[in-house]
N, C-alpha and C. Protein backbone atom coordinates (compact mmCIF):
# COMPACT_ATOMS: atom_id res chain seq x y z
N MET A 1 0.47 32.38 109.34
CA MET A 1 1.45 32.58 108.27
C MET A 1 1.34 31.47 107.22
N ASN A 2 0.95 30.29 107.65
CA ASN A 2 0.79 29.18 106.71
C ASN A 2 -0.29 29.50 105.70
N ASN A 3 -1.30 30.25 106.12
CA ASN A 3 -2.40 30.64 105.25
C ASN A 3 -1.88 31.49 104.08
N VAL A 4 -0.94 32.38 104.35
CA VAL A 4 -0.37 33.24 103.31
C VAL A 4 0.44 32.41 102.32
N ALA A 5 1.22 31.47 102.83
CA ALA A 5 2.03 30.61 101.96
C ALA A 5 1.13 29.77 101.06
N GLU A 6 0.05 29.25 101.62
CA GLU A 6 -0.89 28.46 100.82
C GLU A 6 -1.57 29.34 99.76
N PHE A 7 -1.93 30.57 100.13
CA PHE A 7 -2.54 31.51 99.20
C PHE A 7 -1.60 31.76 98.02
N ILE A 8 -0.33 32.00 98.32
CA ILE A 8 0.65 32.28 97.27
C ILE A 8 0.83 31.08 96.36
N GLN A 9 0.90 29.89 96.94
CA GLN A 9 1.08 28.67 96.16
C GLN A 9 -0.10 28.45 95.21
N ILE A 10 -1.31 28.62 95.70
CA ILE A 10 -2.50 28.44 94.86
C ILE A 10 -2.55 29.51 93.78
N ARG A 11 -2.23 30.75 94.13
CA ARG A 11 -2.23 31.84 93.14
C ARG A 11 -1.25 31.54 92.01
N GLN A 12 -0.07 31.08 92.36
CA GLN A 12 0.93 30.75 91.35
C GLN A 12 0.48 29.58 90.48
N GLY A 13 -0.22 28.64 91.08
CA GLY A 13 -0.77 27.52 90.31
C GLY A 13 -1.79 27.99 89.30
N ILE A 14 -2.65 28.92 89.70
CA ILE A 14 -3.66 29.46 88.78
C ILE A 14 -2.99 30.22 87.65
N GLU A 15 -1.99 31.03 87.97
CA GLU A 15 -1.30 31.79 86.94
C GLU A 15 -0.58 30.87 85.96
N SER A 16 -0.01 29.78 86.46
CA SER A 16 0.65 28.80 85.59
C SER A 16 -0.36 28.14 84.65
N LEU A 17 -1.51 27.75 85.21
CA LEU A 17 -2.56 27.15 84.38
C LEU A 17 -3.08 28.15 83.35
N ALA A 18 -3.16 29.42 83.72
CA ALA A 18 -3.64 30.44 82.79
C ALA A 18 -2.68 30.55 81.59
N LYS A 19 -1.38 30.48 81.84
CA LYS A 19 -0.41 30.52 80.74
C LYS A 19 -0.57 29.31 79.83
N GLU A 20 -0.78 28.14 80.43
CA GLU A 20 -1.00 26.93 79.64
C GLU A 20 -2.27 27.05 78.80
N ILE A 21 -3.33 27.57 79.39
CA ILE A 21 -4.59 27.73 78.67
C ILE A 21 -4.41 28.67 77.49
N THR A 22 -3.68 29.77 77.70
CA THR A 22 -3.44 30.72 76.61
C THR A 22 -2.73 30.04 75.45
N THR A 23 -1.72 29.24 75.77
CA THR A 23 -0.98 28.52 74.73
C THR A 23 -1.88 27.52 74.02
N LEU A 24 -2.68 26.79 74.77
CA LEU A 24 -3.58 25.80 74.17
C LEU A 24 -4.65 26.46 73.30
N VAL A 25 -5.14 27.62 73.71
CA VAL A 25 -6.14 28.33 72.91
C VAL A 25 -5.51 28.78 71.59
N GLU A 26 -4.27 29.24 71.65
CA GLU A 26 -3.60 29.66 70.42
C GLU A 26 -3.42 28.48 69.47
N ARG A 27 -3.23 27.29 70.02
CA ARG A 27 -3.10 26.07 69.20
C ARG A 27 -4.46 25.48 68.84
N LYS A 28 -5.51 26.08 69.36
CA LYS A 28 -6.89 25.63 69.13
C LYS A 28 -7.11 24.20 69.62
N THR A 29 -6.60 23.90 70.80
CA THR A 29 -6.75 22.59 71.43
C THR A 29 -7.82 22.68 72.50
N LEU A 30 -9.04 22.31 72.13
CA LEU A 30 -10.19 22.48 73.03
C LEU A 30 -10.17 21.56 74.25
N PRO A 31 -9.98 20.25 74.09
CA PRO A 31 -10.13 19.37 75.27
C PRO A 31 -9.17 19.70 76.41
N GLN A 32 -7.88 19.88 76.10
CA GLN A 32 -6.93 20.16 77.17
C GLN A 32 -7.15 21.54 77.78
N SER A 33 -7.50 22.52 76.96
CA SER A 33 -7.73 23.86 77.49
C SER A 33 -8.94 23.87 78.41
N LYS A 34 -9.96 23.09 78.09
CA LYS A 34 -11.15 22.99 78.95
C LYS A 34 -10.80 22.35 80.29
N VAL A 35 -9.98 21.29 80.26
CA VAL A 35 -9.56 20.61 81.50
C VAL A 35 -8.77 21.57 82.38
N ARG A 36 -7.83 22.30 81.78
CA ARG A 36 -7.00 23.24 82.54
C ARG A 36 -7.86 24.37 83.12
N LEU A 37 -8.83 24.83 82.35
CA LEU A 37 -9.72 25.89 82.83
C LEU A 37 -10.54 25.41 84.03
N ASP A 38 -11.00 24.17 83.98
CA ASP A 38 -11.75 23.61 85.12
C ASP A 38 -10.87 23.50 86.36
N GLU A 39 -9.61 23.08 86.17
CA GLU A 39 -8.67 22.99 87.29
C GLU A 39 -8.45 24.38 87.91
N ALA A 40 -8.22 25.36 87.04
CA ALA A 40 -7.97 26.73 87.52
C ALA A 40 -9.19 27.29 88.24
N THR A 41 -10.37 26.98 87.77
CA THR A 41 -11.60 27.45 88.41
C THR A 41 -11.76 26.84 89.80
N ASP A 42 -11.43 25.56 89.93
CA ASP A 42 -11.48 24.91 91.25
C ASP A 42 -10.48 25.56 92.21
N LEU A 43 -9.26 25.83 91.71
CA LEU A 43 -8.26 26.48 92.55
C LEU A 43 -8.70 27.89 92.94
N LEU A 44 -9.38 28.59 92.03
CA LEU A 44 -9.85 29.93 92.33
C LEU A 44 -10.88 29.91 93.46
N ALA A 45 -11.71 28.88 93.49
CA ALA A 45 -12.70 28.76 94.56
C ALA A 45 -11.99 28.61 95.91
N LYS A 46 -10.92 27.81 95.94
CA LYS A 46 -10.14 27.64 97.17
C LYS A 46 -9.47 28.95 97.56
N LEU A 47 -8.93 29.64 96.55
CA LEU A 47 -8.22 30.89 96.79
C LEU A 47 -9.17 31.95 97.36
N THR A 48 -10.37 32.01 96.84
CA THR A 48 -11.36 32.97 97.31
C THR A 48 -11.67 32.75 98.80
N ALA A 49 -11.73 31.50 99.21
CA ALA A 49 -12.00 31.19 100.61
C ALA A 49 -10.84 31.60 101.52
N LEU A 50 -9.62 31.61 100.97
CA LEU A 50 -8.44 31.95 101.78
C LEU A 50 -8.17 33.45 101.88
N ALA A 51 -8.78 34.24 101.01
CA ALA A 51 -8.48 35.68 100.97
C ALA A 51 -8.87 36.35 102.28
N ASP A 52 -7.86 37.01 102.92
CA ASP A 52 -8.08 37.64 104.21
C ASP A 52 -8.02 39.17 104.18
N ASN A 53 -7.21 39.72 103.28
CA ASN A 53 -7.01 41.17 103.31
C ASN A 53 -7.25 41.78 101.93
N ASP A 54 -7.11 43.09 101.83
CA ASP A 54 -7.41 43.81 100.60
C ASP A 54 -6.52 43.37 99.44
N VAL A 55 -5.24 43.16 99.71
CA VAL A 55 -4.31 42.77 98.66
C VAL A 55 -4.70 41.41 98.08
N GLN A 56 -5.08 40.49 98.94
CA GLN A 56 -5.50 39.17 98.47
C GLN A 56 -6.83 39.26 97.72
N GLU A 57 -7.71 40.13 98.16
CA GLU A 57 -8.99 40.32 97.46
C GLU A 57 -8.76 40.87 96.04
N VAL A 58 -7.79 41.78 95.91
CA VAL A 58 -7.45 42.33 94.59
C VAL A 58 -6.92 41.22 93.69
N ALA A 59 -6.06 40.36 94.24
CA ALA A 59 -5.50 39.24 93.46
C ALA A 59 -6.61 38.30 93.01
N VAL A 60 -7.56 38.02 93.90
CA VAL A 60 -8.68 37.14 93.55
C VAL A 60 -9.52 37.78 92.44
N GLY A 61 -9.76 39.07 92.53
CA GLY A 61 -10.52 39.76 91.49
C GLY A 61 -9.83 39.73 90.15
N ARG A 62 -8.52 39.95 90.16
CA ARG A 62 -7.74 39.92 88.92
C ARG A 62 -7.77 38.53 88.29
N LEU A 63 -7.60 37.51 89.11
CA LEU A 63 -7.61 36.14 88.59
C LEU A 63 -9.01 35.73 88.12
N THR A 64 -10.02 36.23 88.78
CA THR A 64 -11.40 35.95 88.35
C THR A 64 -11.64 36.52 86.96
N ARG A 65 -11.21 37.76 86.74
CA ARG A 65 -11.36 38.38 85.42
C ARG A 65 -10.53 37.64 84.37
N LEU A 66 -9.32 37.23 84.73
CA LEU A 66 -8.46 36.51 83.80
C LEU A 66 -9.09 35.19 83.38
N LEU A 67 -9.59 34.43 84.33
CA LEU A 67 -10.21 33.15 84.00
C LEU A 67 -11.52 33.35 83.24
N GLY A 68 -12.21 34.44 83.51
CA GLY A 68 -13.43 34.74 82.75
C GLY A 68 -13.13 34.99 81.29
N SER A 69 -12.09 35.76 81.02
CA SER A 69 -11.73 36.03 79.62
C SER A 69 -11.20 34.78 78.94
N LEU A 70 -10.45 33.96 79.68
CA LEU A 70 -9.97 32.71 79.09
C LEU A 70 -11.13 31.75 78.83
N GLY A 71 -12.11 31.76 79.71
CA GLY A 71 -13.29 30.92 79.50
C GLY A 71 -14.03 31.31 78.24
N THR A 72 -14.11 32.60 77.97
CA THR A 72 -14.75 33.08 76.74
C THR A 72 -13.98 32.59 75.52
N LYS A 73 -12.67 32.64 75.59
CA LYS A 73 -11.84 32.18 74.46
C LYS A 73 -11.97 30.68 74.25
N VAL A 74 -12.05 29.92 75.33
CA VAL A 74 -12.21 28.47 75.22
C VAL A 74 -13.57 28.15 74.61
N GLU A 75 -14.61 28.87 75.03
CA GLU A 75 -15.95 28.65 74.46
C GLU A 75 -15.97 28.96 72.97
N ALA A 76 -15.17 29.93 72.55
CA ALA A 76 -15.12 30.30 71.13
C ALA A 76 -14.49 29.19 70.29
N LEU A 77 -13.75 28.30 70.92
CA LEU A 77 -13.12 27.20 70.18
C LEU A 77 -14.10 26.10 69.83
N LYS A 78 -15.24 26.05 70.52
CA LYS A 78 -16.21 25.00 70.24
C LYS A 78 -16.68 25.09 68.80
N PRO A 79 -16.79 23.94 68.15
CA PRO A 79 -17.22 23.97 66.75
C PRO A 79 -18.65 24.50 66.63
N LYS A 80 -18.84 25.28 65.62
CA LYS A 80 -20.17 25.85 65.37
C LYS A 80 -21.06 24.79 64.72
N LYS A 81 -22.32 24.81 65.08
CA LYS A 81 -23.26 23.89 64.46
C LYS A 81 -23.63 24.42 63.08
N ARG A 82 -23.64 23.52 62.13
CA ARG A 82 -24.02 23.92 60.79
C ARG A 82 -25.54 23.90 60.66
N VAL A 83 -26.04 24.93 60.05
CA VAL A 83 -27.48 25.02 59.84
C VAL A 83 -27.74 24.71 58.37
N LEU A 84 -28.49 23.67 58.15
CA LEU A 84 -28.82 23.28 56.78
C LEU A 84 -30.24 23.70 56.48
N LYS A 85 -30.40 24.29 55.31
CA LYS A 85 -31.75 24.67 54.88
C LYS A 85 -32.44 23.45 54.32
N LYS A 86 -33.70 23.35 54.66
CA LYS A 86 -34.48 22.23 54.13
C LYS A 86 -34.82 22.51 52.67
N GLN A 87 -34.78 21.48 51.90
CA GLN A 87 -35.12 21.58 50.49
C GLN A 87 -36.65 21.66 50.37
N PRO A 88 -37.14 22.54 49.52
CA PRO A 88 -38.59 22.64 49.35
C PRO A 88 -39.16 21.34 48.76
N VAL A 89 -40.30 20.96 49.26
CA VAL A 89 -40.95 19.75 48.79
C VAL A 89 -41.81 20.10 47.59
N SER A 90 -41.64 19.35 46.51
CA SER A 90 -42.40 19.62 45.29
C SER A 90 -43.71 18.90 45.27
């Protein structure tokens, strides 16, 4: 039974971090959103190891997709490299 309580606690932690990441992405704050995403990813790895039944597997799949989409949004915040054209040599 302790395993289920730990699973729920970790799942809630990931969901809380996901809300924070969403807010940070809207504010375009890259460093903190990246740190939160890394924390959530580490928690997801622990959660995956704890999953015992179908319901928990569904929760892990949902959170995996959620963190994947948030990861894409965080990557989109990275500044784009400027491409400068070289001036022709006379």
